[in-house]
Amino acid sequence: MDPDHFDHRQASLSTGRTYHYVDEKPANDSNDTVTLLCIHGFPDLWYGWRHQIKPWVQRGYRVVVPDMLGYGKTDMPSEASAYSTKKLCNDLAALLDHIGVHKAVVIGHDWGALIGARFALWHPDRLLALAILSVPYAPPRTEYFSLEQLVKLFPSFGYQLYFASEEAASEIEAHLPTLFCSLYRTPNTRINAMLGVGRLRKILLNAPITEGCLLNEKEIAYYVSNYERGMIGPLSYYRTTQIRFEEELAASLPSKPRLTVPVIFIGGTDDKTCPKNAIETQKAWIDKISVVTLEGKGHWLMLEARETITSEILFWLKGLGIVPGGQQQFRL
């Protein structure tokens, strides 16, 4: 799918950041058009939503998909503090301001799921509904829980310690095609084995995986070309654990942890980075939630189950009455 066949734009936001984003509008666009704001994760771009954008637009929705901070053609600050979810959420609110949309349906995958859920806490008046893929909702904590503690609790998160390390940026920059080939694949024994502490680094540097990638050569080339500025930005997300905790505690977010907007969670049964107990636990913190589990699917749902993701979101929105022409959207 040719990236040039999408409407690319740049926005200078009120937060001082410049964001690149794709903005696709339906043929019958009007003041009542419902906007879907899609947020990608790591290591991804706006391009991760390429298979969903056009089908959703054809059903009458406006679809807005930014390169998140540090990615693609969006600004890449060097300090990790710039990548706190509070600041990222402020950027997203400013992006909605820029395009003249007050409320949107927010759809996030991976880090985008975490950011989307936090957007519902930091800016609850800006959402019509929330869809989170692959990463269940976890409420703000009252006590600090380090990344090291998280890995002890969930050993399959061990790869995150490497991403947060000092050496990761330069090493990954020297092996970018290997990164995408190694991570973008359907669930199997080898992908599961690389998730533990220290294992991903060994594979990247010594034993790259070349078979079974979900991306073709052109897609890998596109990703690599958009990561040539370096990995400091994308990896900084993994270095914000304490920053996020302190910002949320200072704003008393732990005292109001419930998500009050309608939520759908979609996860693959074979995604080892998506603990089954977390899928169940999140239900206690969400007023109205639908849960969809995709049998045999892994982490990259927009690729592994592209038509299913497209249709499940449409079916969910229809059930909520958030349909083109049926849901007034308040413009700024």
Protein backbone atom coordinates (compact mmCIF):
# COMPACT_ATOMS: atom_id res chain seq x y z
CA MET A 1 0.00 0.00 0.00
CA ASP A 2 1.58 3.24 -1.23
CA PRO A 3 2.10 5.76 1.63
CA ASP A 4 1.78 8.58 -0.93
CA HIS A 5 -1.86 7.65 -1.56
CA PHE A 6 -2.84 9.29 1.73
CA ASP A 7 -3.41 12.95 2.58
CA HIS A 8 -0.30 14.01 4.54
CA ARG A 9 -0.21 17.22 6.56
CA GLN A 10 1.97 19.11 9.04
CA ALA A 11 0.60 21.02 12.02
CA SER A 12 2.27 23.60 14.24
CA LEU A 13 0.46 22.98 17.52
CA SER A 14 -0.28 25.35 20.39
CA THR A 15 1.99 23.17 22.57
CA GLY A 16 4.97 24.28 20.46
CA ARG A 17 5.35 20.92 18.69
CA THR A 18 5.13 20.22 14.98
CA TYR A 19 3.30 17.02 14.12
CA HIS A 20 2.98 15.13 10.87
CA TYR A 21 -0.37 13.45 10.42
CA VAL A 22 -2.58 11.79 7.83
CA ASP A 23 -6.05 13.31 7.48
CA GLU A 24 -8.53 11.40 5.33
CA LYS A 25 -12.06 12.73 4.95
CA PRO A 26 -15.13 11.04 3.48
CA ALA A 27 -16.67 12.26 0.24
CA ASN A 28 -19.68 13.62 2.14
CA ASP A 29 -17.63 15.36 4.87
CA SER A 30 -19.64 17.84 6.94
CA ASN A 31 -19.80 19.41 10.37
CA ASP A 32 -21.43 16.21 11.63
CA THR A 33 -18.67 13.90 10.43
CA VAL A 34 -17.33 11.69 13.22
CA THR A 35 -13.54 11.78 13.58
CA LEU A 36 -11.49 8.71 14.47
CA LEU A 37 -8.14 9.65 16.03
CA CYS A 38 -5.75 6.69 15.72
CA ILE A 39 -2.60 6.42 17.85
CA HIS A 40 0.24 4.04 17.02
CA GLY A 41 2.76 2.33 19.28
CA PHE A 42 6.36 1.05 19.06
CA PRO A 43 8.04 0.53 16.66
CA ASP A 44 5.41 1.98 14.38
CA LEU A 45 4.18 5.06 12.54
CA TRP A 46 0.89 6.41 11.22
CA TYR A 47 1.51 3.68 8.62
CA GLY A 48 0.51 0.99 11.10
CA TRP A 49 -3.15 1.94 10.47
CA ARG A 50 -2.84 1.87 6.66
CA HIS A 51 -5.23 -1.07 6.20
CA GLN A 52 -7.97 0.48 8.34
CA ILE A 53 -7.88 4.13 7.22
CA LYS A 54 -9.53 3.87 3.80
CA PRO A 55 -12.25 1.36 4.81
CA TRP A 56 -13.28 3.55 7.74
CA VAL A 57 -13.33 6.64 5.51
CA GLN A 58 -15.46 4.76 2.97
CA ARG A 59 -17.98 4.17 5.75
CA GLY A 60 -18.25 7.93 6.31
CA TYR A 61 -15.73 8.61 9.08
CA ARG A 62 -12.90 11.13 9.07
CA VAL A 63 -9.67 9.38 10.08
CA VAL A 64 -6.77 11.34 11.55
CA VAL A 65 -3.53 9.48 12.26
CA PRO A 66 -0.43 11.31 13.55
CA ASP A 67 3.14 10.21 13.69
CA MET A 68 3.54 10.38 17.45
CA LEU A 69 6.22 12.55 19.05
CA GLY A 70 9.69 11.28 18.13
CA TYR A 71 8.45 9.31 15.14
CA GLY A 72 8.46 9.81 11.39
CA LYS A 73 8.16 13.45 10.39
CA THR A 74 6.97 14.70 13.79
CA ASP A 75 9.28 16.61 16.16
CA MET A 76 11.84 14.53 18.07
CA PRO A 77 12.96 16.24 21.31
CA SER A 78 16.00 14.69 22.99
CA GLU A 79 14.84 14.84 26.62
CA ALA A 80 12.81 11.88 27.91
CA SER A 81 10.50 14.16 29.92
CA ALA A 82 8.98 15.41 26.66
CA TYR A 83 7.42 11.97 26.13
CA SER A 84 5.32 11.76 29.28
CA THR A 85 1.74 10.73 28.59
CA LYS A 86 0.51 14.06 30.01
CA LYS A 87 2.48 16.01 27.41
CA LEU A 88 1.60 13.60 24.61
CA CYS A 89 -2.08 13.91 25.53
CA ASN A 90 -1.77 17.69 25.50
CA ASP A 91 -0.31 17.42 22.00
CA LEU A 92 -3.24 15.28 20.86
CA ALA A 93 -5.74 17.74 22.32
CA ALA A 94 -3.89 20.52 20.49
CA LEU A 95 -4.04 18.49 17.27
CA LEU A 96 -7.82 18.17 17.65
CA ASP A 97 -7.94 21.94 18.20
CA HIS A 98 -5.88 22.45 15.05
CA ILE A 99 -8.24 20.42 12.87
CA GLY A 100 -11.33 21.95 14.46
CA VAL A 101 -12.68 18.86 16.22
CA HIS A 102 -13.86 18.99 19.82
CA LYS A 103 -14.63 15.30 20.39
CA ALA A 104 -13.27 12.23 18.64
CA VAL A 105 -13.31 8.47 18.89
CA VAL A 106 -9.79 7.61 20.07
CA ILE A 107 -8.29 4.32 18.87
CA GLY A 108 -4.88 3.22 20.15
CA HIS A 109 -2.58 0.23 19.73
CA ASP A 110 0.36 -0.76 21.97
CA TRP A 111 1.75 2.50 23.42
CA GLY A 112 -1.12 4.16 21.59
CA ALA A 113 -3.54 2.18 23.78
CA LEU A 114 -1.85 3.40 26.94
CA ILE A 115 -1.78 6.99 25.65
CA GLY A 116 -5.39 6.80 24.50
CA ALA A 117 -6.53 5.59 27.91
CA ARG A 118 -4.59 8.36 29.61
CA PHE A 119 -6.10 10.85 27.16
CA ALA A 120 -9.47 9.78 28.58
CA LEU A 121 -8.20 10.81 32.04
CA TRP A 122 -6.31 13.98 31.14
CA HIS A 123 -8.90 15.23 28.61
CA PRO A 124 -12.17 13.35 29.29
CA ASP A 125 -14.25 15.99 27.52
CA ARG A 126 -12.50 15.34 24.19
CA LEU A 127 -13.61 11.71 23.65
CA LEU A 128 -16.76 10.18 22.25
CA ALA A 129 -15.45 6.67 22.90
CA LEU A 130 -12.17 4.77 23.30
CA ALA A 131 -10.81 1.66 21.57
CA ILE A 132 -7.65 0.06 22.98
CA LEU A 133 -5.78 -2.70 21.20
CA SER A 134 -3.29 -5.17 22.71
CA VAL A 135 -2.62 -3.23 25.95
CA PRO A 136 -5.33 -3.41 28.65
CA TYR A 137 -6.16 -0.37 30.74
CA ALA A 138 -4.28 0.01 34.02
CA PRO A 139 -5.30 2.88 36.32
CA PRO A 140 -2.84 5.43 37.73
CA ARG A 141 -0.93 4.13 40.74
CA THR A 142 -0.77 5.62 44.20
CA GLU A 143 2.74 4.23 44.74
CA TYR A 144 5.67 4.16 42.33
CA PHE A 145 6.14 0.87 40.48
CA SER A 146 9.41 0.77 38.54
CA LEU A 147 9.99 -0.86 35.17
CA GLU A 148 12.22 -3.40 36.94
CA GLN A 149 9.34 -4.32 39.26
CA LEU A 150 7.01 -4.63 36.29
CA VAL A 151 9.39 -7.06 34.58
CA LYS A 152 9.60 -9.17 37.73
CA LEU A 153 5.81 -9.39 37.76
CA PHE A 154 5.54 -9.97 33.99
CA PRO A 155 8.78 -11.57 32.67
CA SER A 156 7.52 -11.28 29.08
CA PHE A 157 8.06 -7.51 29.44
CA GLY A 158 11.82 -8.04 29.84
CA TYR A 159 12.54 -6.56 26.42
CA GLN A 160 11.43 -3.17 27.76
CA LEU A 161 14.51 -3.00 30.00
CA TYR A 162 16.66 -3.14 26.86
CA PHE A 163 14.62 -0.40 25.18
CA ALA A 164 15.09 1.78 28.28
CA SER A 165 18.86 1.18 28.42
CA GLU A 166 21.56 3.63 27.32
CA GLU A 167 23.04 1.33 24.68
CA ALA A 168 19.77 0.48 22.93
CA ALA A 169 19.54 3.53 20.64
CA SER A 170 22.89 3.18 18.88
CA GLU A 171 22.65 -0.61 18.66
CA ILE A 172 19.16 -0.59 17.17
CA GLU A 173 20.05 2.25 14.79
CA ALA A 174 22.75 -0.01 13.36
CA HIS A 175 20.26 -2.86 12.87
CA LEU A 176 16.99 -1.18 11.86
CA PRO A 177 15.83 -3.73 9.25
CA THR A 178 16.53 -6.50 11.77
CA LEU A 179 14.39 -4.74 14.38
CA PHE A 180 11.34 -4.69 12.12
CA CYS A 181 11.90 -8.22 10.79
CA SER A 182 12.31 -9.56 14.31
CA LEU A 183 9.31 -7.87 15.92
CA TYR A 184 6.70 -7.77 13.16
CA ARG A 185 5.67 -11.42 13.02
CA THR A 186 2.90 -13.75 13.99
CA PRO A 187 3.15 -15.44 17.40
CA ASN A 188 5.52 -18.40 17.48
CA THR A 189 8.09 -19.96 19.78
CA ARG A 190 10.91 -17.70 18.64
CA ILE A 191 9.06 -14.40 19.00
CA ASN A 192 7.94 -15.44 22.48
CA ALA A 193 11.50 -16.42 23.42
CA MET A 194 12.90 -12.99 22.59
CA LEU A 195 10.68 -11.18 25.10
CA GLY A 196 12.68 -12.09 28.22
CA VAL A 197 15.45 -9.98 29.74
CA GLY A 198 18.49 -9.71 27.44
CA ARG A 199 17.13 -11.95 24.72
CA LEU A 200 16.03 -9.37 22.17
CA ARG A 201 19.45 -7.70 22.22
CA LYS A 202 21.16 -11.01 21.48
CA ILE A 203 18.87 -11.66 18.54
CA LEU A 204 19.33 -8.16 17.11
CA LEU A 205 23.10 -8.29 17.34
CA ASN A 206 23.87 -11.95 16.72
CA ALA A 207 21.00 -14.03 15.38
CA PRO A 208 18.50 -11.98 13.39
CA ILE A 209 15.22 -13.59 12.38
CA THR A 210 14.56 -13.27 8.66
CA GLU A 211 11.71 -15.68 7.96
CA GLY A 212 8.03 -15.15 8.61
CA CYS A 213 7.96 -11.36 8.78
CA LEU A 214 4.56 -9.67 8.49
CA LEU A 215 6.13 -6.86 6.46
CA ASN A 216 7.31 -7.06 2.87
CA GLU A 217 10.53 -5.45 1.61
CA LYS A 218 8.86 -2.18 0.57
CA GLU A 219 7.12 -1.85 3.92
CA ILE A 220 10.36 -2.48 5.81
CA ALA A 221 12.10 0.09 3.64
CA TYR A 222 9.41 2.66 4.44
CA TYR A 223 9.75 2.07 8.17
CA VAL A 224 13.55 2.24 8.02
CA SER A 225 13.44 5.51 6.05
CA ASN A 226 11.23 7.04 8.75
CA TYR A 227 13.56 5.95 11.55
CA GLU A 228 16.76 7.32 10.02
CA ARG A 229 16.71 10.33 12.37
CA GLY A 230 17.46 7.90 15.18
CA MET A 231 15.85 5.95 18.00
CA ILE A 232 16.15 8.48 20.83
CA GLY A 233 12.55 9.61 20.44
CA PRO A 234 10.79 6.24 20.13
CA LEU A 235 12.86 4.66 22.92
CA SER A 236 12.26 7.60 25.25
CA TYR A 237 8.73 6.35 25.87
CA TYR A 238 10.26 3.46 27.82
CA ARG A 239 12.19 5.92 30.00
CA THR A 240 9.19 7.81 31.35
CA THR A 241 7.91 5.44 34.04
CA GLN A 242 8.78 7.69 36.98
CA ILE A 243 7.95 10.90 35.12
CA ARG A 244 4.47 9.60 34.30
CA PHE A 245 3.90 8.48 37.88
CA GLU A 246 4.92 11.86 39.32
CA GLU A 247 2.78 13.84 36.89
CA GLU A 248 -0.28 11.69 37.53
CA LEU A 249 0.18 11.82 41.30
CA ALA A 250 0.59 15.60 41.23
CA ALA A 251 -2.67 15.91 39.28
CA SER A 252 -4.48 13.48 41.65
CA LEU A 253 -5.31 11.16 38.76
CA PRO A 254 -5.14 8.11 41.07
CA SER A 255 -8.16 9.52 42.92
CA LYS A 256 -10.27 9.46 39.72
CA PRO A 257 -9.07 6.37 37.85
CA ARG A 258 -12.31 5.25 36.21
CA LEU A 259 -12.88 5.47 32.48
CA THR A 260 -16.39 6.80 31.98
CA VAL A 261 -16.49 6.79 28.16
CA PRO A 262 -17.53 3.63 26.30
CA VAL A 263 -14.50 1.38 25.75
CA ILE A 264 -13.72 -1.60 23.56
CA PHE A 265 -10.64 -3.72 24.19
CA ILE A 266 -9.35 -6.02 21.44
CA GLY A 267 -6.50 -8.45 22.08
CA GLY A 268 -4.98 -11.57 20.59
CA THR A 269 -5.03 -14.77 22.64
CA ASP A 270 -1.41 -15.52 21.65
CA ASP A 271 0.01 -12.07 22.47
CA LYS A 272 2.51 -12.80 25.26
CA THR A 273 2.80 -9.08 26.05
CA CYS A 274 -0.93 -8.95 26.88
CA PRO A 275 -1.49 -10.79 30.20
CA LYS A 276 -4.87 -12.49 30.39
CA ASN A 277 -5.41 -11.42 33.99
CA ALA A 278 -4.89 -7.78 33.00
CA ILE A 279 -7.68 -8.10 30.43
CA GLU A 280 -10.03 -9.16 33.21
CA THR A 281 -8.74 -6.73 35.84
CA GLN A 282 -9.36 -3.67 33.66
CA LYS A 283 -13.11 -4.32 33.72
CA ALA A 284 -13.29 -3.09 37.32
CA TRP A 285 -12.10 0.37 36.25
CA ILE A 286 -14.28 0.94 33.18
CA ASP A 287 -17.97 1.85 33.33
CA LYS A 288 -18.90 0.39 29.93
CA ILE A 289 -16.53 -2.06 28.26
CA SER A 290 -16.72 -4.56 25.43
CA VAL A 291 -13.95 -7.17 25.22
CA VAL A 292 -13.04 -8.95 21.99
CA THR A 293 -10.36 -11.66 22.01
CA LEU A 294 -9.03 -12.90 18.68
CA GLU A 295 -8.11 -16.56 18.79
CA GLY A 296 -4.57 -17.39 17.66
CA LYS A 297 -3.62 -13.76 16.99
CA GLY A 298 -0.60 -12.01 18.42
CA HIS A 299 0.35 -8.38 18.99
CA TRP A 300 0.13 -6.85 15.51
CA LEU A 301 -3.62 -6.96 15.15
CA MET A 302 -3.90 -4.32 12.41
CA LEU A 303 -1.82 -6.66 10.22
CA GLU A 304 -2.72 -10.12 11.50
CA ALA A 305 -6.47 -9.41 11.58
CA ARG A 306 -6.79 -6.32 9.41
CA GLU A 307 -10.37 -6.91 8.22
CA THR A 308 -11.49 -8.06 11.67
CA ILE A 309 -10.16 -4.91 13.36
CA THR A 310 -11.86 -2.78 10.73
CA SER A 311 -15.21 -4.51 11.13
CA GLU A 312 -15.14 -4.90 14.93
CA ILE A 313 -14.60 -1.17 15.42
CA LEU A 314 -17.40 -0.37 12.96
CA PHE A 315 -19.77 -2.82 14.67
CA TRP A 316 -18.95 -1.37 18.10
CA LEU A 317 -19.46 2.22 16.92
CA LYS A 318 -22.78 1.28 15.33
CA GLY A 319 -23.89 -0.23 18.64
CA LEU A 320 -23.05 3.02 20.39
CA GLY A 321 -24.93 5.07 17.81
CA ILE A 322 -21.72 6.81 16.78
CA VAL A 323 -22.32 6.59 13.08
CA PRO A 324 -21.94 9.04 10.20
CA GLY A 325 -24.88 11.41 10.28
CA GLY A 326 -26.13 10.00 13.58
CA GLN A 327 -23.74 11.56 16.10
CA GLN A 328 -23.36 15.32 16.31
CA GLN A 329 -19.76 16.38 16.69
CA PHE A 330 -19.00 19.70 18.35
CA ARG A 331 -16.56 21.77 16.37
CA LEU A 332 -14.35 24.37 17.98
